[in-house]
Amino acid sequence: MSKKLRANILLLLTALIWGSAFVAQIKGMDNLGPFSFACVRNMVGAIFLIPVIFLLDKLDKKNQKDSIYEKTEEEKKAERKILITGGIACGIALFVAGSLQQVGLMYTTAGKGGFITALYIVIVPILGLFLKKKVRPVIWCCVVVAAIGLYMLCIKEGFSIGMGDLLILICAFGFSIHILIIDYFSPKTDGVKMSCIQFFIVAILSGVVMFAIEAPTINAILISWMPILYSGVLSSGVAYTLQIVAQKDTDPTIASLLLSLESVFAVLSGMIVLHEVLSGREVFGCVLMFAAIIVAQLPSKEDKMKRKLL
């Protein structure tokens, strides 16, 4: 098996884990409040990443044995500062977006939640305007198509939108900001370490809200062990690590297209596990939104030319 094929299979597995995690998030709230579930889930994800970081550091040290250059204490201190700052910033953004998503899933389906969340792929380039980044004309077309799809999926008679759908739509903007923060910090620091810090931050912030408005019990946490482990270990820990490893050996466009299948897997998981059913109108809305998501990720002619030159 070639490295590229193996990487693409790993990315497909990542999309499957992330998509099915919407079901785990809903099932986790059978016995726990949204913030209690988020607190425990993110704590589990952070703890799981600690041995992963240890193993990756060991491999990194082996690769650096042949290197002559050694970092100074000042450089190491600066790197730690960027890592901690990035982890905290990502954690705060993820807490806001994740909380909106978790609460929103109390009032909508896993399938709809997956598709609405995936709108961040279209939203990110638009928010990039504030950072003076160019937006291709095709993105504006994708925004229009995605908006029509969102209308078909969420808007009910009388032009009203459900509470859950609205919260998850706002959460998509939150995830877009989270991605822009990652885009800024990830080239400057270790992505897995930063992710571990962000999970700890989300767990702490969720814990504060949890103790303020919820009353979780040890028994409720133990009963919910399966969705907690699935979303904490697999979704937060394993899937993130698979993404990091796999994206090194495949084309970034192929990677983003495979990862966007998360929304499709969310619908399928909701149908199989939770017996959710979408109406014909909602299915058409999903198709339009998925088309917009796919087209938004296709590279421009300039990007293709740059890759040929590289």
C-alpha atoms as a PDB file:
ATOM      1  CA  MET A   1       0.000   0.000   0.000  1.00  0.00           C
ATOM      2  CA  SER A   2       1.372   3.433  -0.966  1.00  0.00           C
ATOM      3  CA  LYS A   3       1.841   6.210   1.606  1.00  0.00           C
ATOM      4  CA  LYS A   4      -0.727   8.394  -0.163  1.00  0.00           C
ATOM      5  CA  LEU A   5      -3.408   5.674  -0.202  1.00  0.00           C
ATOM      6  CA  ARG A   6      -2.768   4.867   3.463  1.00  0.00           C
ATOM      7  CA  ALA A   7      -3.007   8.578   4.346  1.00  0.00           C
ATOM      8  CA  ASN A   8      -6.319   8.927   2.475  1.00  0.00           C
ATOM      9  CA  ILE A   9      -7.750   5.884   4.287  1.00  0.00           C
ATOM     10  CA  LEU A  10      -6.689   7.390   7.636  1.00  0.00           C
ATOM     11  CA  LEU A  11      -8.384  10.695   6.727  1.00  0.00           C
ATOM     12  CA  LEU A  12     -11.558   8.854   5.728  1.00  0.00           C
ATOM     13  CA  LEU A  13     -11.457   7.092   9.110  1.00  0.00           C
ATOM     14  CA  THR A  14     -10.989  10.497  10.785  1.00  0.00           C
ATOM     15  CA  ALA A  15     -14.096  11.864   9.033  1.00  0.00           C
ATOM     16  CA  LEU A  16     -16.048   8.753  10.103  1.00  0.00           C
ATOM     17  CA  ILE A  17     -15.012   9.206  13.757  1.00  0.00           C
ATOM     18  CA  TRP A  18     -15.829  12.933  13.779  1.00  0.00           C
ATOM     19  CA  GLY A  19     -19.168  12.431  12.025  1.00  0.00           C
ATOM     20  CA  SER A  20     -20.316   9.618  14.311  1.00  0.00           C
ATOM     21  CA  ALA A  21     -19.174  11.630  17.350  1.00  0.00           C
ATOM     22  CA  PHE A  22     -22.310  13.778  16.930  1.00  0.00           C
ATOM     23  CA  VAL A  23     -24.300  10.700  17.981  1.00  0.00           C
ATOM     24  CA  ALA A  24     -21.978  10.201  20.987  1.00  0.00           C
ATOM     25  CA  GLN A  25     -22.512  13.851  21.985  1.00  0.00           C
ATOM     26  CA  ILE A  26     -26.288  13.404  21.934  1.00  0.00           C
ATOM     27  CA  LYS A  27     -26.204  10.061  23.781  1.00  0.00           C
ATOM     28  CA  GLY A  28     -23.830  11.529  26.367  1.00  0.00           C
ATOM     29  CA  MET A  29     -26.519  13.983  27.403  1.00  0.00           C
ATOM     30  CA  ASP A  30     -28.969  11.224  28.318  1.00  0.00           C
ATOM     31  CA  ASN A  31     -27.569  11.347  31.859  1.00  0.00           C
ATOM     32  CA  LEU A  32     -25.309  14.421  31.891  1.00  0.00           C
ATOM     33  CA  GLY A  33     -25.829  18.129  31.266  1.00  0.00           C
ATOM     34  CA  PRO A  34     -24.063  19.616  28.202  1.00  0.00           C
ATOM     35  CA  PHE A  35     -21.302  21.280  30.233  1.00  0.00           C
ATOM     36  CA  SER A  36     -20.725  18.227  32.423  1.00  0.00           C
ATOM     37  CA  PHE A  37     -20.326  16.080  29.323  1.00  0.00           C
ATOM     38  CA  ALA A  38     -18.026  18.654  27.681  1.00  0.00           C
ATOM     39  CA  CYS A  39     -15.894  18.921  30.829  1.00  0.00           C
ATOM     40  CA  VAL A  40     -15.318  15.176  31.199  1.00  0.00           C
ATOM     41  CA  ARG A  41     -14.972  14.576  27.466  1.00  0.00           C
ATOM     42  CA  ASN A  42     -12.285  17.229  26.989  1.00  0.00           C
ATOM     43  CA  MET A  43     -10.430  16.168  30.129  1.00  0.00           C
ATOM     44  CA  VAL A  44     -10.307  12.594  28.796  1.00  0.00           C
ATOM     45  CA  GLY A  45      -9.118  13.884  25.395  1.00  0.00           C
ATOM     46  CA  ALA A  46      -6.365  15.987  26.988  1.00  0.00           C
ATOM     47  CA  ILE A  47      -5.136  13.139  29.212  1.00  0.00           C
ATOM     48  CA  PHE A  48      -5.138  10.738  26.241  1.00  0.00           C
ATOM     49  CA  LEU A  49      -2.879  13.112  24.264  1.00  0.00           C
ATOM     50  CA  ILE A  50      -0.182  13.177  26.980  1.00  0.00           C
ATOM     51  CA  PRO A  51       1.301   9.734  26.093  1.00  0.00           C
ATOM     52  CA  VAL A  52       0.877  10.585  22.393  1.00  0.00           C
ATOM     53  CA  ILE A  53       2.983  13.728  22.914  1.00  0.00           C
ATOM     54  CA  PHE A  54       5.575  11.660  24.822  1.00  0.00           C
ATOM     55  CA  LEU A  55       5.873   9.175  21.929  1.00  0.00           C
ATOM     56  CA  LEU A  56       6.038  11.909  19.275  1.00  0.00           C
ATOM     57  CA  ASP A  57       8.732  13.731  21.291  1.00  0.00           C
ATOM     58  CA  LYS A  58      10.779  10.513  21.436  1.00  0.00           C
ATOM     59  CA  LEU A  59      10.555  10.120  17.662  1.00  0.00           C
ATOM     60  CA  ASP A  60      11.406  13.793  17.177  1.00  0.00           C
ATOM     61  CA  LYS A  61      14.527  13.485  19.367  1.00  0.00           C
ATOM     62  CA  LYS A  62      15.692  10.498  17.315  1.00  0.00           C
ATOM     63  CA  ASN A  63      15.300  12.541  14.114  1.00  0.00           C
ATOM     64  CA  GLN A  64      17.183  15.492  15.641  1.00  0.00           C
ATOM     65  CA  LYS A  65      20.235  13.439  16.700  1.00  0.00           C
ATOM     66  CA  ASP A  66      21.922  14.137  13.384  1.00  0.00           C
ATOM     67  CA  SER A  67      21.171  17.867  13.610  1.00  0.00           C
ATOM     68  CA  ILE A  68      24.082  20.170  14.479  1.00  0.00           C
ATOM     69  CA  TYR A  69      21.943  23.172  15.443  1.00  0.00           C
ATOM     70  CA  GLU A  70      20.821  23.348  19.069  1.00  0.00           C
ATOM     71  CA  LYS A  71      18.211  25.825  20.296  1.00  0.00           C
ATOM     72  CA  THR A  72      19.172  28.415  22.895  1.00  0.00           C
ATOM     73  CA  GLU A  73      17.294  28.830  26.189  1.00  0.00           C
ATOM     74  CA  GLU A  74      15.777  32.087  24.897  1.00  0.00           C
ATOM     75  CA  GLU A  75      14.438  30.332  21.782  1.00  0.00           C
ATOM     76  CA  LYS A  76      12.985  27.514  23.911  1.00  0.00           C
ATOM     77  CA  LYS A  77      11.350  30.074  26.228  1.00  0.00           C
ATOM     78  CA  ALA A  78       9.840  31.948  23.269  1.00  0.00           C
ATOM     79  CA  GLU A  79       8.489  28.673  21.843  1.00  0.00           C
ATOM     80  CA  ARG A  80       6.891  27.755  25.186  1.00  0.00           C
ATOM     81  CA  LYS A  81       5.254  31.189  25.361  1.00  0.00           C
ATOM     82  CA  ILE A  82       3.760  30.786  21.857  1.00  0.00           C
ATOM     83  CA  LEU A  83       2.608  27.244  22.707  1.00  0.00           C
ATOM     84  CA  ILE A  84       0.834  28.327  25.911  1.00  0.00           C
ATOM     85  CA  THR A  85      -0.660  31.474  24.326  1.00  0.00           C
ATOM     86  CA  GLY A  86      -1.894  29.489  21.318  1.00  0.00           C
ATOM     87  CA  GLY A  87      -3.297  26.715  23.500  1.00  0.00           C
ATOM     88  CA  ILE A  88      -5.232  29.156  25.696  1.00  0.00           C
ATOM     89  CA  ALA A  89      -6.561  31.160  22.703  1.00  0.00           C
ATOM     90  CA  CYS A  90      -7.644  27.975  20.896  1.00  0.00           C
ATOM     91  CA  GLY A  91      -9.158  26.616  24.113  1.00  0.00           C
ATOM     92  CA  ILE A  92     -11.322  29.703  24.692  1.00  0.00           C
ATOM     93  CA  ALA A  93     -12.548  29.685  21.064  1.00  0.00           C
ATOM     94  CA  LEU A  94     -13.219  25.936  21.194  1.00  0.00           C
ATOM     95  CA  PHE A  95     -15.066  26.288  24.507  1.00  0.00           C
ATOM     96  CA  VAL A  96     -17.457  28.889  23.031  1.00  0.00           C
ATOM     97  CA  ALA A  97     -18.016  26.976  19.768  1.00  0.00           C
ATOM     98  CA  GLY A  98     -18.192  23.558  21.440  1.00  0.00           C
ATOM     99  CA  SER A  99     -20.612  24.754  24.125  1.00  0.00           C
ATOM    100  CA  LEU A 100     -22.972  26.215  21.515  1.00  0.00           C
ATOM    101  CA  GLN A 101     -22.792  22.945  19.573  1.00  0.00           C
ATOM    102  CA  GLN A 102     -23.316  20.752  22.637  1.00  0.00           C
ATOM    103  CA  VAL A 103     -26.353  22.739  23.831  1.00  0.00           C
ATOM    104  CA  GLY A 104     -27.682  22.981  20.251  1.00  0.00           C
ATOM    105  CA  LEU A 105     -27.623  19.191  19.886  1.00  0.00           C
ATOM    106  CA  MET A 106     -30.187  19.014  22.696  1.00  0.00           C
ATOM    107  CA  TYR A 107     -32.730  20.535  20.275  1.00  0.00           C
ATOM    108  CA  THR A 108     -31.768  19.182  16.839  1.00  0.00           C
ATOM    109  CA  THR A 109     -30.598  15.992  15.139  1.00  0.00           C
ATOM    110  CA  ALA A 110     -27.045  14.677  14.746  1.00  0.00           C
ATOM    111  CA  GLY A 111     -27.345  14.851  10.949  1.00  0.00           C
ATOM    112  CA  LYS A 112     -28.506  18.466  10.819  1.00  0.00           C
ATOM    113  CA  GLY A 113     -25.915  19.389  13.446  1.00  0.00           C
ATOM    114  CA  GLY A 114     -23.144  17.857  11.331  1.00  0.00           C
ATOM    115  CA  PHE A 115     -24.113  19.699   8.163  1.00  0.00           C
ATOM    116  CA  ILE A 116     -24.647  23.084   9.814  1.00  0.00           C
ATOM    117  CA  THR A 117     -21.323  22.803  11.680  1.00  0.00           C
ATOM    118  CA  ALA A 118     -19.555  21.981   8.386  1.00  0.00           C
ATOM    119  CA  LEU A 119     -20.501  25.462   7.125  1.00  0.00           C
ATOM    120  CA  TYR A 120     -17.306  26.696   8.795  1.00  0.00           C
ATOM    121  CA  ILE A 121     -15.531  25.623   5.571  1.00  0.00           C
ATOM    122  CA  VAL A 122     -17.482  28.333   3.697  1.00  0.00           C
ATOM    123  CA  ILE A 123     -17.414  30.862   6.567  1.00  0.00           C
ATOM    124  CA  VAL A 124     -13.615  30.788   7.149  1.00  0.00           C
ATOM    125  CA  PRO A 125     -12.703  32.499   3.827  1.00  0.00           C
ATOM    126  CA  ILE A 126     -15.335  35.193   4.468  1.00  0.00           C
ATOM    127  CA  LEU A 127     -13.977  35.940   7.947  1.00  0.00           C
ATOM    128  CA  GLY A 128     -10.535  36.002   6.337  1.00  0.00           C
ATOM    129  CA  LEU A 129     -11.569  39.308   4.729  1.00  0.00           C
ATOM    130  CA  PHE A 130     -11.051  40.955   8.131  1.00  0.00           C
ATOM    131  CA  LEU A 131      -7.464  39.651   8.036  1.00  0.00           C
ATOM    132  CA  LYS A 132      -7.021  41.169   4.553  1.00  0.00           C
ATOM    133  CA  LYS A 133      -7.118  37.780   2.828  1.00  0.00           C
ATOM    134  CA  LYS A 134      -8.515  37.524  -0.687  1.00  0.00           C
ATOM    135  CA  VAL A 135     -11.809  35.720  -1.287  1.00  0.00           C
ATOM    136  CA  ARG A 136     -12.252  33.990  -4.648  1.00  0.00           C
ATOM    137  CA  PRO A 137     -15.503  34.809  -6.535  1.00  0.00           C
ATOM    138  CA  VAL A 138     -16.497  31.119  -6.402  1.00  0.00           C
ATOM    139  CA  ILE A 139     -16.633  31.363  -2.576  1.00  0.00           C
ATOM    140  CA  TRP A 140     -19.411  33.953  -2.803  1.00  0.00           C
ATOM    141  CA  CYS A 141     -21.352  31.534  -5.055  1.00  0.00           C
ATOM    142  CA  CYS A 142     -20.774  28.806  -2.442  1.00  0.00           C
ATOM    143  CA  VAL A 143     -22.122  31.117   0.270  1.00  0.00           C
ATOM    144  CA  VAL A 144     -25.340  31.672  -1.723  1.00  0.00           C
ATOM    145  CA  VAL A 145     -25.794  27.935  -2.415  1.00  0.00           C
ATOM    146  CA  ALA A 146     -25.020  27.061   1.222  1.00  0.00           C
ATOM    147  CA  ALA A 147     -27.536  29.687   2.407  1.00  0.00           C
ATOM    148  CA  ILE A 148     -30.249  28.163   0.191  1.00  0.00           C
ATOM    149  CA  GLY A 149     -29.335  24.704   1.496  1.00  0.00           C
ATOM    150  CA  LEU A 150     -29.463  25.969   5.082  1.00  0.00           C
ATOM    151  CA  TYR A 151     -32.906  27.444   4.409  1.00  0.00           C
ATOM    152  CA  MET A 152     -34.153  24.103   3.057  1.00  0.00           C
ATOM    153  CA  LEU A 153     -32.628  22.206   5.994  1.00  0.00           C
ATOM    154  CA  CYS A 154     -33.578  24.459   8.910  1.00  0.00           C
ATOM    155  CA  ILE A 155     -36.234  27.084   8.156  1.00  0.00           C
ATOM    156  CA  LYS A 156     -39.738  25.985   9.060  1.00  0.00           C
ATOM    157  CA  GLU A 157     -43.123  27.339   8.070  1.00  0.00           C
ATOM    158  CA  GLY A 158     -43.582  30.966   9.056  1.00  0.00           C
ATOM    159  CA  PHE A 159     -39.857  31.615   8.386  1.00  0.00           C
ATOM    160  CA  SER A 160     -38.748  30.420  11.828  1.00  0.00           C
ATOM    161  CA  ILE A 161     -35.580  28.509  12.733  1.00  0.00           C
ATOM    162  CA  GLY A 162     -35.335  25.965  15.542  1.00  0.00           C
ATOM    163  CA  MET A 163     -33.344  26.864  18.653  1.00  0.00           C
ATOM    164  CA  GLY A 164     -30.910  23.960  18.137  1.00  0.00           C
ATOM    165  CA  ASP A 165     -30.251  24.826  14.483  1.00  0.00           C
ATOM    166  CA  LEU A 166     -29.675  28.495  15.364  1.00  0.00           C
ATOM    167  CA  LEU A 167     -27.189  27.649  18.146  1.00  0.00           C
ATOM    168  CA  ILE A 168     -25.254  25.319  15.848  1.00  0.00           C
ATOM    169  CA  LEU A 169     -25.226  27.952  13.095  1.00  0.00           C
ATOM    170  CA  ILE A 170     -23.634  30.386  15.578  1.00  0.00           C
ATOM    171  CA  CYS A 171     -21.260  27.596  16.640  1.00  0.00           C
ATOM    172  CA  ALA A 172     -20.126  27.267  12.983  1.00  0.00           C
ATOM    173  CA  PHE A 173     -18.919  30.889  13.203  1.00  0.00           C
ATOM    174  CA  GLY A 174     -17.176  29.975  16.467  1.00  0.00           C
ATOM    175  CA  PHE A 175     -15.380  27.048  14.818  1.00  0.00           C
ATOM    176  CA  SER A 176     -14.387  29.363  11.946  1.00  0.00           C
ATOM    177  CA  ILE A 177     -12.676  31.711  14.424  1.00  0.00           C
ATOM    178  CA  HIS A 178     -11.091  28.676  16.097  1.00  0.00           C
ATOM    179  CA  ILE A 179      -9.651  27.575  12.725  1.00  0.00           C
ATOM    180  CA  LEU A 180      -8.242  31.052  12.027  1.00  0.00           C
ATOM    181  CA  ILE A 181      -6.548  31.016  15.444  1.00  0.00           C
ATOM    182  CA  ILE A 182      -5.071  27.563  14.706  1.00  0.00           C
ATOM    183  CA  ASP A 183      -3.972  28.846  11.282  1.00  0.00           C
ATOM    184  CA  TYR A 184      -2.045  31.636  13.031  1.00  0.00           C
ATOM    185  CA  PHE A 185      -0.389  29.574  15.778  1.00  0.00           C
ATOM    186  CA  SER A 186       0.098  26.072  14.270  1.00  0.00           C
ATOM    187  CA  PRO A 187       3.074  26.953  11.995  1.00  0.00           C
ATOM    188  CA  LYS A 188       4.859  28.438  15.035  1.00  0.00           C
ATOM    189  CA  THR A 189       4.412  25.602  17.533  1.00  0.00           C
ATOM    190  CA  ASP A 190       3.675  21.895  18.066  1.00  0.00           C
ATOM    191  CA  GLY A 191       0.092  21.167  16.962  1.00  0.00           C
ATOM    192  CA  VAL A 192      -0.504  18.140  19.198  1.00  0.00           C
ATOM    193  CA  LYS A 193       0.810  19.906  22.324  1.00  0.00           C
ATOM    194  CA  MET A 194      -1.307  22.962  21.545  1.00  0.00           C
ATOM    195  CA  SER A 195      -4.335  20.713  21.106  1.00  0.00           C
ATOM    196  CA  CYS A 196      -3.679  19.078  24.483  1.00  0.00           C
ATOM    197  CA  ILE A 197      -3.563  22.489  26.181  1.00  0.00           C
ATOM    198  CA  GLN A 198      -6.751  23.616  24.434  1.00  0.00           C
ATOM    199  CA  PHE A 199      -8.620  20.509  25.655  1.00  0.00           C
ATOM    200  CA  PHE A 200      -7.502  21.207  29.232  1.00  0.00           C
ATOM    201  CA  ILE A 201      -8.710  24.831  28.883  1.00  0.00           C
ATOM    202  CA  VAL A 202     -12.102  23.699  27.539  1.00  0.00           C
ATOM    203  CA  ALA A 203     -12.402  21.153  30.382  1.00  0.00           C
ATOM    204  CA  ILE A 204     -11.633  23.830  33.013  1.00  0.00           C
ATOM    205  CA  LEU A 205     -14.041  26.427  31.553  1.00  0.00           C
ATOM    206  CA  SER A 206     -16.772  23.794  31.092  1.00  0.00           C
ATOM    207  CA  GLY A 207     -16.148  22.674  34.675  1.00  0.00           C
ATOM    208  CA  VAL A 208     -16.745  26.194  36.002  1.00  0.00           C
ATOM    209  CA  VAL A 209     -20.118  26.408  34.219  1.00  0.00           C
ATOM    210  CA  MET A 210     -20.902  22.802  35.171  1.00  0.00           C
ATOM    211  CA  PHE A 211     -20.576  23.465  38.905  1.00  0.00           C
ATOM    212  CA  ALA A 212     -22.482  26.745  38.551  1.00  0.00           C
ATOM    213  CA  ILE A 213     -25.619  25.475  36.787  1.00  0.00           C
ATOM    214  CA  GLU A 214     -25.509  21.659  36.743  1.00  0.00           C
ATOM    215  CA  ALA A 215     -25.311  18.916  39.356  1.00  0.00           C
ATOM    216  CA  PRO A 216     -23.351  15.995  37.862  1.00  0.00           C
ATOM    217  CA  THR A 217     -22.840  12.783  39.827  1.00  0.00           C
ATOM    218  CA  ILE A 218     -20.115  10.152  39.603  1.00  0.00           C
ATOM    219  CA  ASN A 219     -22.809   7.588  38.814  1.00  0.00           C
ATOM    220  CA  ALA A 220     -24.080   9.658  35.851  1.00  0.00           C
ATOM    221  CA  ILE A 221     -20.503   9.937  34.506  1.00  0.00           C
ATOM    222  CA  LEU A 222     -19.939   6.176  34.864  1.00  0.00           C
ATOM    223  CA  ILE A 223     -23.232   5.390  33.099  1.00  0.00           C
ATOM    224  CA  SER A 224     -22.135   7.661  30.221  1.00  0.00           C
ATOM    225  CA  TRP A 225     -18.680   6.045  29.914  1.00  0.00           C
ATOM    226  CA  MET A 226     -19.156   4.904  26.302  1.00  0.00           C
ATOM    227  CA  PRO A 227     -20.054   8.274  24.669  1.00  0.00           C
ATOM    228  CA  ILE A 228     -17.452   9.990  26.892  1.00  0.00           C
ATOM    229  CA  LEU A 229     -14.662   7.646  25.793  1.00  0.00           C
ATOM    230  CA  TYR A 230     -15.784   7.716  22.156  1.00  0.00           C
ATOM    231  CA  SER A 231     -15.909  11.499  21.909  1.00  0.00           C
ATOM    232  CA  GLY A 232     -12.970  12.056  24.270  1.00  0.00           C
ATOM    233  CA  VAL A 233     -10.480   9.390  23.177  1.00  0.00           C
ATOM    234  CA  LEU A 234     -11.499   8.705  19.576  1.00  0.00           C
ATOM    235  CA  SER A 235     -12.882  12.073  18.425  1.00  0.00           C
ATOM    236  CA  SER A 236     -10.525  14.380  20.332  1.00  0.00           C
ATOM    237  CA  GLY A 237      -7.416  12.214  20.677  1.00  0.00           C
ATOM    238  CA  VAL A 238      -7.179   9.526  18.005  1.00  0.00           C
ATOM    239  CA  ALA A 239      -8.872  11.390  15.123  1.00  0.00           C
ATOM    240  CA  TYR A 240      -6.826  14.559  15.672  1.00  0.00           C
ATOM    241  CA  THR A 241      -3.572  12.546  15.734  1.00  0.00           C
ATOM    242  CA  LEU A 242      -4.605  10.611  12.593  1.00  0.00           C
ATOM    243  CA  GLN A 243      -5.240  13.917  10.830  1.00  0.00           C
ATOM    244  CA  ILE A 244      -1.795  15.267  11.796  1.00  0.00           C
ATOM    245  CA  VAL A 245      -0.030  12.076  10.667  1.00  0.00           C
ATOM    246  CA  ALA A 246      -2.039  11.548   7.462  1.00  0.00           C
ATOM    247  CA  GLN A 247      -1.882  15.117   6.108  1.00  0.00           C
ATOM    248  CA  LYS A 248       1.901  14.808   5.781  1.00  0.00           C
ATOM    249  CA  ASP A 249       1.534  12.213   2.999  1.00  0.00           C
ATOM    250  CA  THR A 250      -1.356  13.476   0.887  1.00  0.00           C
ATOM    251  CA  ASP A 251      -2.529  16.494  -1.076  1.00  0.00           C
ATOM    252  CA  PRO A 252      -4.176  19.164   1.154  1.00  0.00           C
ATOM    253  CA  THR A 253      -7.148  19.498  -1.226  1.00  0.00           C
ATOM    254  CA  ILE A 254      -7.804  15.736  -1.136  1.00  0.00           C
ATOM    255  CA  ALA A 255      -7.413  15.869   2.657  1.00  0.00           C
ATOM    256  CA  SER A 256     -10.010  18.637   3.066  1.00  0.00           C
ATOM    257  CA  LEU A 257     -12.445  16.892   0.710  1.00  0.00           C
ATOM    258  CA  LEU A 258     -12.158  13.613   2.628  1.00  0.00           C
ATOM    259  CA  LEU A 259     -12.563  15.381   5.989  1.00  0.00           C
ATOM    260  CA  SER A 260     -15.687  17.186   4.740  1.00  0.00           C
ATOM    261  CA  LEU A 261     -17.361  13.752   4.561  1.00  0.00           C
ATOM    262  CA  GLU A 262     -17.757  14.208   8.332  1.00  0.00           C
ATOM    263  CA  SER A 263     -21.146  15.835   7.658  1.00  0.00           C
ATOM    264  CA  VAL A 264     -22.331  12.854   5.587  1.00  0.00           C
ATOM    265  CA  PHE A 265     -21.196  10.384   8.263  1.00  0.00           C
ATOM    266  CA  ALA A 266     -23.077  12.471  10.860  1.00  0.00           C
ATOM    267  CA  VAL A 267     -26.329  11.980   8.917  1.00  0.00           C
ATOM    268  CA  LEU A 268     -25.721   8.253   8.367  1.00  0.00           C
ATOM    269  CA  SER A 269     -24.792   7.701  12.040  1.00  0.00           C
ATOM    270  CA  GLY A 270     -27.900   9.572  13.173  1.00  0.00           C
ATOM    271  CA  MET A 271     -30.073   7.408  10.925  1.00  0.00           C
ATOM    272  CA  ILE A 272     -28.471   4.087  11.967  1.00  0.00           C
ATOM    273  CA  VAL A 273     -28.003   4.657  15.709  1.00  0.00           C
ATOM    274  CA  LEU A 274     -30.670   7.227  16.634  1.00  0.00           C
ATOM    275  CA  HIS A 275     -33.159   6.338  13.873  1.00  0.00           C
ATOM    276  CA  GLU A 276     -33.290   9.959  12.722  1.00  0.00           C
ATOM    277  CA  VAL A 277     -35.206  10.667   9.522  1.00  0.00           C
ATOM    278  CA  LEU A 278     -34.773  13.653   7.196  1.00  0.00           C
ATOM    279  CA  SER A 279     -37.612  14.893   4.980  1.00  0.00           C
ATOM    280  CA  GLY A 280     -37.124  15.252   1.218  1.00  0.00           C
ATOM    281  CA  ARG A 281     -36.736  19.018   1.654  1.00  0.00           C
ATOM    282  CA  GLU A 282     -34.063  18.546   4.345  1.00  0.00           C
ATOM    283  CA  VAL A 283     -32.166  16.002   2.218  1.00  0.00           C
ATOM    284  CA  PHE A 284     -32.151  18.489  -0.697  1.00  0.00           C
ATOM    285  CA  GLY A 285     -30.822  21.142   1.692  1.00  0.00           C
ATOM    286  CA  CYS A 286     -28.022  18.759   2.748  1.00  0.00           C
ATOM    287  CA  VAL A 287     -27.135  18.102  -0.915  1.00  0.00           C
ATOM    288  CA  LEU A 288     -26.887  21.843  -1.658  1.00  0.00           C
ATOM    289  CA  MET A 289     -24.789  22.494   1.456  1.00  0.00           C
ATOM    290  CA  PHE A 290     -22.472  19.561   0.713  1.00  0.00           C
ATOM    291  CA  ALA A 291     -21.999  20.784  -2.870  1.00  0.00           C
ATOM    292  CA  ALA A 292     -21.076  24.261  -1.560  1.00  0.00           C
ATOM    293  CA  ILE A 293     -18.653  22.739   0.971  1.00  0.00           C
ATOM    294  CA  ILE A 294     -16.928  20.632  -1.722  1.00  0.00           C
ATOM    295  CA  VAL A 295     -16.633  23.459  -4.279  1.00  0.00           C
ATOM    296  CA  ALA A 296     -15.315  25.872  -1.620  1.00  0.00           C
ATOM    297  CA  GLN A 297     -12.362  23.530  -1.014  1.00  0.00           C
ATOM    298  CA  LEU A 298     -11.335  23.046  -4.641  1.00  0.00           C
ATOM    299  CA  PRO A 299      -8.052  24.829  -5.428  1.00  0.00           C
ATOM    300  CA  SER A 300      -7.928  27.909  -7.662  1.00  0.00           C
ATOM    301  CA  LYS A 301      -5.787  28.098 -10.820  1.00  0.00           C
ATOM    302  CA  GLU A 302      -3.213  30.126  -8.862  1.00  0.00           C
ATOM    303  CA  ASP A 303      -2.965  27.417  -6.196  1.00  0.00           C
ATOM    304  CA  LYS A 304      -2.495  24.739  -8.881  1.00  0.00           C
ATOM    305  CA  MET A 305       0.266  26.778 -10.528  1.00  0.00           C
ATOM    306  CA  LYS A 306       2.046  27.275  -7.187  1.00  0.00           C
ATOM    307  CA  ARG A 307       1.977  23.514  -6.509  1.00  0.00           C
ATOM    308  CA  LYS A 308       3.415  22.786  -9.972  1.00  0.00           C
ATOM    309  CA  LEU A 309       6.252  25.222  -9.316  1.00  0.00           C
ATOM    310  CA  LEU A 310       6.937  23.589  -5.924  1.00  0.00           C
END
